[in-house]
């Protein structure tokens, strides 16, 4: 089922995504309160999903699954895992109708609180690229990134991330246009890309959440 060209479908999943992010904004202090800024990505993501499920309001918009295996069949009919999506929000019983959330750490620090690096490069090369190669959200017009800003410096994380995206624009087939970021409880911006499999367009929505609350 090819649904990526439908503007109505795009508008619907954007609305649902905004609803989920609204819930995350409300529960984020609870998520971060029992985590420190040296946590691994998977642990942060699992706690985020656990708190979302306890909140129950997410049930009104979809079914959320952490570390979801994406399976595909080869020519012989054998199935393999092509990727493990950090968070999938399924909208109904169709396994192809979901919103993908890939989560990455930014501004990673050591146990002494010293910043080891921005990690903006891996965010792009191991995160965003999974949408442009159709590894994630293959038949969908929209995907999401969540950045866990480990030291709380969202301004620095954003600048490093925008620089990393620009430097790797050919790799991720970034489409022309100025990226406008908004800053509030979380920092947010959107980038547009072409998939290298079929040149279809995909929008990627980025949100940066501070681990320091």
C-alpha atoms as a PDB file:
ATOM      1  CA  UNK A   1       0.000   0.000   0.000  1.00  0.00           C
ATOM      2  CA  UNK A   2       1.593   3.236  -1.176  1.00  0.00           C
ATOM      3  CA  UNK A   3       0.369   6.116   0.968  1.00  0.00           C
ATOM      4  CA  UNK A   4       3.319   8.478   0.867  1.00  0.00           C
ATOM      5  CA  UNK A   5       1.887  10.744  -1.852  1.00  0.00           C
ATOM      6  CA  UNK A   6      -1.334  11.577   0.005  1.00  0.00           C
ATOM      7  CA  UNK A   7      -1.428  15.145   1.377  1.00  0.00           C
ATOM      8  CA  UNK A   8      -4.400  14.241   3.563  1.00  0.00           C
ATOM      9  CA  UNK A   9      -2.443  11.361   5.060  1.00  0.00           C
ATOM     10  CA  UNK A  10       0.522  13.651   5.705  1.00  0.00           C
ATOM     11  CA  UNK A  11      -1.687  16.185   7.473  1.00  0.00           C
ATOM     12  CA  UNK A  12      -3.240  13.458   9.589  1.00  0.00           C
ATOM     13  CA  UNK A  13       0.018  11.994  10.829  1.00  0.00           C
ATOM     14  CA  UNK A  14       1.442  15.467  11.513  1.00  0.00           C
ATOM     15  CA  UNK A  15      -1.581  16.173  13.733  1.00  0.00           C
ATOM     16  CA  UNK A  16      -1.175  12.851  15.560  1.00  0.00           C
ATOM     17  CA  UNK A  17       2.544  13.418  15.978  1.00  0.00           C
ATOM     18  CA  UNK A  18       1.882  16.861  17.483  1.00  0.00           C
ATOM     19  CA  UNK A  19      -0.544  15.262  19.926  1.00  0.00           C
ATOM     20  CA  UNK A  20       2.067  12.726  21.037  1.00  0.00           C
ATOM     21  CA  UNK A  21       4.757  15.384  21.428  1.00  0.00           C
ATOM     22  CA  UNK A  22       2.327  17.409  23.508  1.00  0.00           C
ATOM     23  CA  UNK A  23       2.001  14.445  25.857  1.00  0.00           C
ATOM     24  CA  UNK A  24       5.776  13.975  25.952  1.00  0.00           C
ATOM     25  CA  UNK A  25       6.252  17.634  26.858  1.00  0.00           C
ATOM     26  CA  UNK A  26       3.855  17.210  29.776  1.00  0.00           C
ATOM     27  CA  UNK A  27       5.458  14.033  31.132  1.00  0.00           C
ATOM     28  CA  UNK A  28       9.089  14.844  30.313  1.00  0.00           C
ATOM     29  CA  UNK A  29       9.980  16.067  33.832  1.00  0.00           C
ATOM     30  CA  UNK A  30       8.831  12.674  35.147  1.00  0.00           C
ATOM     31  CA  UNK A  31      10.850  10.862  32.479  1.00  0.00           C
ATOM     32  CA  UNK A  32      14.077  12.771  33.139  1.00  0.00           C
ATOM     33  CA  UNK A  33      13.756  12.992  36.921  1.00  0.00           C
ATOM     34  CA  UNK A  34      15.049   9.469  37.548  1.00  0.00           C
ATOM     35  CA  UNK A  35      17.714   9.488  34.839  1.00  0.00           C
ATOM     36  CA  UNK A  36      21.163  11.022  34.882  1.00  0.00           C
ATOM     37  CA  UNK A  37      22.988  12.629  31.989  1.00  0.00           C
ATOM     38  CA  UNK A  38      25.175   9.606  31.281  1.00  0.00           C
ATOM     39  CA  UNK A  39      22.273   7.260  30.474  1.00  0.00           C
ATOM     40  CA  UNK A  40      22.299   5.218  27.269  1.00  0.00           C
ATOM     41  CA  UNK A  41      19.784   5.929  24.513  1.00  0.00           C
ATOM     42  CA  UNK A  42      17.879   2.682  24.885  1.00  0.00           C
ATOM     43  CA  UNK A  43      17.359   3.192  28.622  1.00  0.00           C
ATOM     44  CA  UNK A  44      16.042   6.723  28.096  1.00  0.00           C
ATOM     45  CA  UNK A  45      13.736   5.571  25.320  1.00  0.00           C
ATOM     46  CA  UNK A  46      12.373   2.649  27.328  1.00  0.00           C
ATOM     47  CA  UNK A  47      11.607   4.903  30.297  1.00  0.00           C
ATOM     48  CA  UNK A  48       9.939   7.424  27.989  1.00  0.00           C
ATOM     49  CA  UNK A  49       7.652   4.718  26.594  1.00  0.00           C
ATOM     50  CA  UNK A  50       6.928   3.302  30.061  1.00  0.00           C
ATOM     51  CA  UNK A  51       5.849   6.716  31.371  1.00  0.00           C
ATOM     52  CA  UNK A  52       3.792   7.337  28.237  1.00  0.00           C
ATOM     53  CA  UNK A  53       1.960   4.057  28.752  1.00  0.00           C
ATOM     54  CA  UNK A  54       1.312   4.836  32.420  1.00  0.00           C
ATOM     55  CA  UNK A  55      -0.142   8.195  31.406  1.00  0.00           C
ATOM     56  CA  UNK A  56      -2.721   6.344  29.268  1.00  0.00           C
ATOM     57  CA  UNK A  57      -3.671   9.406  27.192  1.00  0.00           C
ATOM     58  CA  UNK A  58      -1.453   8.024  24.422  1.00  0.00           C
ATOM     59  CA  UNK A  59      -4.041   5.254  23.986  1.00  0.00           C
ATOM     60  CA  UNK A  60      -6.377   7.854  22.484  1.00  0.00           C
ATOM     61  CA  UNK A  61      -4.084   8.444  19.526  1.00  0.00           C
ATOM     62  CA  UNK A  62      -2.393   5.103  18.858  1.00  0.00           C
ATOM     63  CA  UNK A  63      -0.463   2.109  20.124  1.00  0.00           C
ATOM     64  CA  UNK A  64       3.147   2.774  21.071  1.00  0.00           C
ATOM     65  CA  UNK A  65       5.923   0.173  20.783  1.00  0.00           C
ATOM     66  CA  UNK A  66       9.578   0.605  21.829  1.00  0.00           C
ATOM     67  CA  UNK A  67      12.443  -0.963  19.879  1.00  0.00           C
ATOM     68  CA  UNK A  68      10.175  -2.262  17.120  1.00  0.00           C
ATOM     69  CA  UNK A  69      11.715  -4.691  14.617  1.00  0.00           C
ATOM     70  CA  UNK A  70      11.011  -3.817  10.993  1.00  0.00           C
ATOM     71  CA  UNK A  71      10.878  -6.997   8.917  1.00  0.00           C
ATOM     72  CA  UNK A  72      11.080  -7.511   5.170  1.00  0.00           C
ATOM     73  CA  UNK A  73      10.938 -10.460   2.806  1.00  0.00           C
ATOM     74  CA  UNK A  74      13.615 -11.283   0.273  1.00  0.00           C
ATOM     75  CA  UNK A  75      13.054 -12.795  -3.182  1.00  0.00           C
ATOM     76  CA  UNK A  76      12.981 -16.312  -1.742  1.00  0.00           C
ATOM     77  CA  UNK A  77      10.308 -15.333   0.774  1.00  0.00           C
ATOM     78  CA  UNK A  78      12.537 -15.408   3.829  1.00  0.00           C
ATOM     79  CA  UNK A  79      12.104 -12.603   6.374  1.00  0.00           C
ATOM     80  CA  UNK A  80      14.918 -10.612   7.920  1.00  0.00           C
ATOM     81  CA  UNK A  81      15.137  -7.606  10.228  1.00  0.00           C
ATOM     82  CA  UNK A  82      16.131  -4.488   8.292  1.00  0.00           C
ATOM     83  CA  UNK A  83      16.190  -2.250  11.331  1.00  0.00           C
ATOM     84  CA  UNK A  84      15.040  -1.716  14.892  1.00  0.00           C
ATOM     85  CA  UNK A  85      13.031   1.471  15.270  1.00  0.00           C
ATOM     86  CA  UNK A  86      13.402   3.184  18.637  1.00  0.00           C
ATOM     87  CA  UNK A  87       9.703   4.069  18.917  1.00  0.00           C
ATOM     88  CA  UNK A  88       6.798   3.236  16.621  1.00  0.00           C
ATOM     89  CA  UNK A  89       3.359   4.773  17.099  1.00  0.00           C
ATOM     90  CA  UNK A  90       0.847   2.582  15.270  1.00  0.00           C
ATOM     91  CA  UNK A  91      -2.329   4.343  14.242  1.00  0.00           C
ATOM     92  CA  UNK A  92      -4.509   1.278  13.607  1.00  0.00           C
ATOM     93  CA  UNK A  93      -4.199  -2.449  12.871  1.00  0.00           C
ATOM     94  CA  UNK A  94      -2.234  -1.883   9.631  1.00  0.00           C
ATOM     95  CA  UNK A  95       1.448  -2.487  10.367  1.00  0.00           C
ATOM     96  CA  UNK A  96       2.413  -0.023   7.623  1.00  0.00           C
ATOM     97  CA  UNK A  97       0.572   2.868   9.259  1.00  0.00           C
ATOM     98  CA  UNK A  98       2.892   4.184  11.909  1.00  0.00           C
ATOM     99  CA  UNK A  99       4.896   7.221  12.910  1.00  0.00           C
ATOM    100  CA  UNK A 100       8.584   6.481  13.353  1.00  0.00           C
ATOM    101  CA  UNK A 101      10.697   8.046  16.098  1.00  0.00           C
ATOM    102  CA  UNK A 102      14.457   7.571  15.971  1.00  0.00           C
ATOM    103  CA  UNK A 103      16.186   8.700  19.175  1.00  0.00           C
ATOM    104  CA  UNK A 104      19.791   9.877  19.555  1.00  0.00           C
ATOM    105  CA  UNK A 105      21.884  11.442  22.286  1.00  0.00           C
ATOM    106  CA  UNK A 106      23.438  14.872  21.757  1.00  0.00           C
ATOM    107  CA  UNK A 107      26.046  16.766  23.821  1.00  0.00           C
ATOM    108  CA  UNK A 108      27.169  13.527  25.442  1.00  0.00           C
ATOM    109  CA  UNK A 109      29.084  13.934  28.717  1.00  0.00           C
ATOM    110  CA  UNK A 110      31.340  11.691  30.784  1.00  0.00           C
ATOM    111  CA  UNK A 111      30.829  10.724  34.431  1.00  0.00           C
ATOM    112  CA  UNK A 112      32.518  13.962  35.507  1.00  0.00           C
ATOM    113  CA  UNK A 113      30.008  16.013  33.550  1.00  0.00           C
ATOM    114  CA  UNK A 114      32.535  17.028  30.885  1.00  0.00           C
ATOM    115  CA  UNK A 115      31.205  17.139  27.338  1.00  0.00           C
ATOM    116  CA  UNK A 116      32.769  14.426  25.185  1.00  0.00           C
ATOM    117  CA  UNK A 117      31.292  15.663  21.933  1.00  0.00           C
ATOM    118  CA  UNK A 118      28.165  16.987  20.283  1.00  0.00           C
ATOM    119  CA  UNK A 119      27.395  13.634  18.602  1.00  0.00           C
ATOM    120  CA  UNK A 120      25.631  15.603  15.857  1.00  0.00           C
ATOM    121  CA  UNK A 121      27.478  13.565  13.221  1.00  0.00           C
ATOM    122  CA  UNK A 122      26.129  10.177  14.375  1.00  0.00           C
ATOM    123  CA  UNK A 123      22.668  11.758  14.755  1.00  0.00           C
ATOM    124  CA  UNK A 124      22.719  12.434  11.007  1.00  0.00           C
ATOM    125  CA  UNK A 125      24.768   9.479   9.751  1.00  0.00           C
ATOM    126  CA  UNK A 126      23.055   6.837  11.906  1.00  0.00           C
ATOM    127  CA  UNK A 127      19.675   8.486  12.445  1.00  0.00           C
ATOM    128  CA  UNK A 128      18.411  10.804   9.721  1.00  0.00           C
ATOM    129  CA  UNK A 129      19.926   8.621   7.000  1.00  0.00           C
ATOM    130  CA  UNK A 130      17.612   5.764   7.945  1.00  0.00           C
ATOM    131  CA  UNK A 131      14.736   7.781   6.538  1.00  0.00           C
ATOM    132  CA  UNK A 132      16.483   8.755   3.319  1.00  0.00           C
ATOM    133  CA  UNK A 133      17.486   5.158   2.627  1.00  0.00           C
ATOM    134  CA  UNK A 134      13.895   4.019   3.320  1.00  0.00           C
ATOM    135  CA  UNK A 135      15.083   1.795   6.137  1.00  0.00           C
ATOM    136  CA  UNK A 136      12.400   3.453   8.252  1.00  0.00           C
ATOM    137  CA  UNK A 137       9.024   4.884   7.164  1.00  0.00           C
ATOM    138  CA  UNK A 138       9.491   3.332   3.728  1.00  0.00           C
ATOM    139  CA  UNK A 139       5.984   4.078   2.436  1.00  0.00           C
ATOM    140  CA  UNK A 140       5.303   7.118   4.560  1.00  0.00           C
ATOM    141  CA  UNK A 141       5.820  10.842   3.899  1.00  0.00           C
ATOM    142  CA  UNK A 142       6.950  11.702   7.416  1.00  0.00           C
ATOM    143  CA  UNK A 143       9.335  10.588  10.132  1.00  0.00           C
ATOM    144  CA  UNK A 144      10.649  11.955  13.415  1.00  0.00           C
ATOM    145  CA  UNK A 145      13.899  12.353  15.303  1.00  0.00           C
ATOM    146  CA  UNK A 146      14.177  12.924  19.051  1.00  0.00           C
ATOM    147  CA  UNK A 147      17.435  14.290  20.389  1.00  0.00           C
ATOM    148  CA  UNK A 148      18.252  13.754  24.053  1.00  0.00           C
ATOM    149  CA  UNK A 149      20.415  16.756  24.958  1.00  0.00           C
ATOM    150  CA  UNK A 150      22.469  15.243  27.747  1.00  0.00           C
ATOM    151  CA  UNK A 151      23.999  18.448  29.150  1.00  0.00           C
ATOM    152  CA  UNK A 152      20.883  20.569  28.654  1.00  0.00           C
ATOM    153  CA  UNK A 153      22.529  23.009  26.218  1.00  0.00           C
ATOM    154  CA  UNK A 154      19.931  22.921  23.458  1.00  0.00           C
ATOM    155  CA  UNK A 155      21.317  26.029  21.726  1.00  0.00           C
ATOM    156  CA  UNK A 156      24.731  24.418  21.236  1.00  0.00           C
ATOM    157  CA  UNK A 157      23.135  21.108  20.235  1.00  0.00           C
ATOM    158  CA  UNK A 158      20.990  22.826  17.617  1.00  0.00           C
ATOM    159  CA  UNK A 159      23.887  24.722  16.036  1.00  0.00           C
ATOM    160  CA  UNK A 160      26.064  21.621  15.882  1.00  0.00           C
ATOM    161  CA  UNK A 161      23.195  19.651  14.412  1.00  0.00           C
ATOM    162  CA  UNK A 162      22.423  22.226  11.712  1.00  0.00           C
ATOM    163  CA  UNK A 163      26.110  22.293  10.777  1.00  0.00           C
ATOM    164  CA  UNK A 164      26.217  18.490  10.623  1.00  0.00           C
ATOM    165  CA  UNK A 165      23.142  18.373   8.399  1.00  0.00           C
ATOM    166  CA  UNK A 166      24.597  20.975   6.038  1.00  0.00           C
ATOM    167  CA  UNK A 167      27.944  19.180   5.802  1.00  0.00           C
ATOM    168  CA  UNK A 168      26.186  15.912   4.974  1.00  0.00           C
ATOM    169  CA  UNK A 169      23.455  17.306   2.744  1.00  0.00           C
ATOM    170  CA  UNK A 170      24.419  15.131  -0.227  1.00  0.00           C
ATOM    171  CA  UNK A 171      24.522  11.998   1.905  1.00  0.00           C
ATOM    172  CA  UNK A 172      20.992  12.603   3.214  1.00  0.00           C
ATOM    173  CA  UNK A 173      19.700  14.269   0.014  1.00  0.00           C
ATOM    174  CA  UNK A 174      18.664  17.408   1.855  1.00  0.00           C
ATOM    175  CA  UNK A 175      16.276  19.564  -0.155  1.00  0.00           C
ATOM    176  CA  UNK A 176      16.917  23.297  -0.640  1.00  0.00           C
ATOM    177  CA  UNK A 177      15.391  25.742   1.777  1.00  0.00           C
ATOM    178  CA  UNK A 178      16.254  27.485   5.016  1.00  0.00           C
ATOM    179  CA  UNK A 179      15.705  25.422   8.146  1.00  0.00           C
ATOM    180  CA  UNK A 180      13.779  27.439  10.731  1.00  0.00           C
ATOM    181  CA  UNK A 181      13.991  26.290  14.342  1.00  0.00           C
ATOM    182  CA  UNK A 182      11.653  27.214  17.181  1.00  0.00           C
ATOM    183  CA  UNK A 183      12.681  27.063  20.800  1.00  0.00           C
ATOM    184  CA  UNK A 184      10.436  26.523  23.792  1.00  0.00           C
ATOM    185  CA  UNK A 185      10.269  23.681  26.251  1.00  0.00           C
ATOM    186  CA  UNK A 186      11.900  21.720  23.427  1.00  0.00           C
ATOM    187  CA  UNK A 187      13.674  22.865  20.268  1.00  0.00           C
ATOM    188  CA  UNK A 188      12.023  21.902  16.991  1.00  0.00           C
ATOM    189  CA  UNK A 189      12.688  22.096  13.263  1.00  0.00           C
ATOM    190  CA  UNK A 190      11.869  20.233  10.047  1.00  0.00           C
ATOM    191  CA  UNK A 191      14.143  19.065   7.243  1.00  0.00           C
ATOM    192  CA  UNK A 192      13.052  17.733   3.848  1.00  0.00           C
ATOM    193  CA  UNK A 193      14.821  14.957   1.967  1.00  0.00           C
ATOM    194  CA  UNK A 194      14.550  12.714  -1.077  1.00  0.00           C
ATOM    195  CA  UNK A 195      14.807   8.971  -0.607  1.00  0.00           C
ATOM    196  CA  UNK A 196      17.683   7.490  -2.578  1.00  0.00           C
ATOM    197  CA  UNK A 197      15.558   4.470  -3.491  1.00  0.00           C
ATOM    198  CA  UNK A 198      12.840   6.186  -5.524  1.00  0.00           C
ATOM    199  CA  UNK A 199      13.314   9.975  -5.127  1.00  0.00           C
ATOM    200  CA  UNK A 200      10.109  10.335  -3.139  1.00  0.00           C
ATOM    201  CA  UNK A 201      10.048  13.137  -0.591  1.00  0.00           C
ATOM    202  CA  UNK A 202      10.041  12.641   3.156  1.00  0.00           C
ATOM    203  CA  UNK A 203       9.783  15.279   5.862  1.00  0.00           C
ATOM    204  CA  UNK A 204      11.727  14.676   9.061  1.00  0.00           C
ATOM    205  CA  UNK A 205      10.609  16.514  12.204  1.00  0.00           C
ATOM    206  CA  UNK A 206      13.325  17.004  14.818  1.00  0.00           C
ATOM    207  CA  UNK A 207      12.778  17.698  18.539  1.00  0.00           C
ATOM    208  CA  UNK A 208      15.509  18.280  21.093  1.00  0.00           C
ATOM    209  CA  UNK A 209      14.664  17.572  24.740  1.00  0.00           C
ATOM    210  CA  UNK A 210      16.937  18.528  27.632  1.00  0.00           C
ATOM    211  CA  UNK A 211      17.967  15.816  30.045  1.00  0.00           C
ATOM    212  CA  UNK A 212      18.552  18.543  32.632  1.00  0.00           C
ATOM    213  CA  UNK A 213      15.213  19.490  34.184  1.00  0.00           C
END
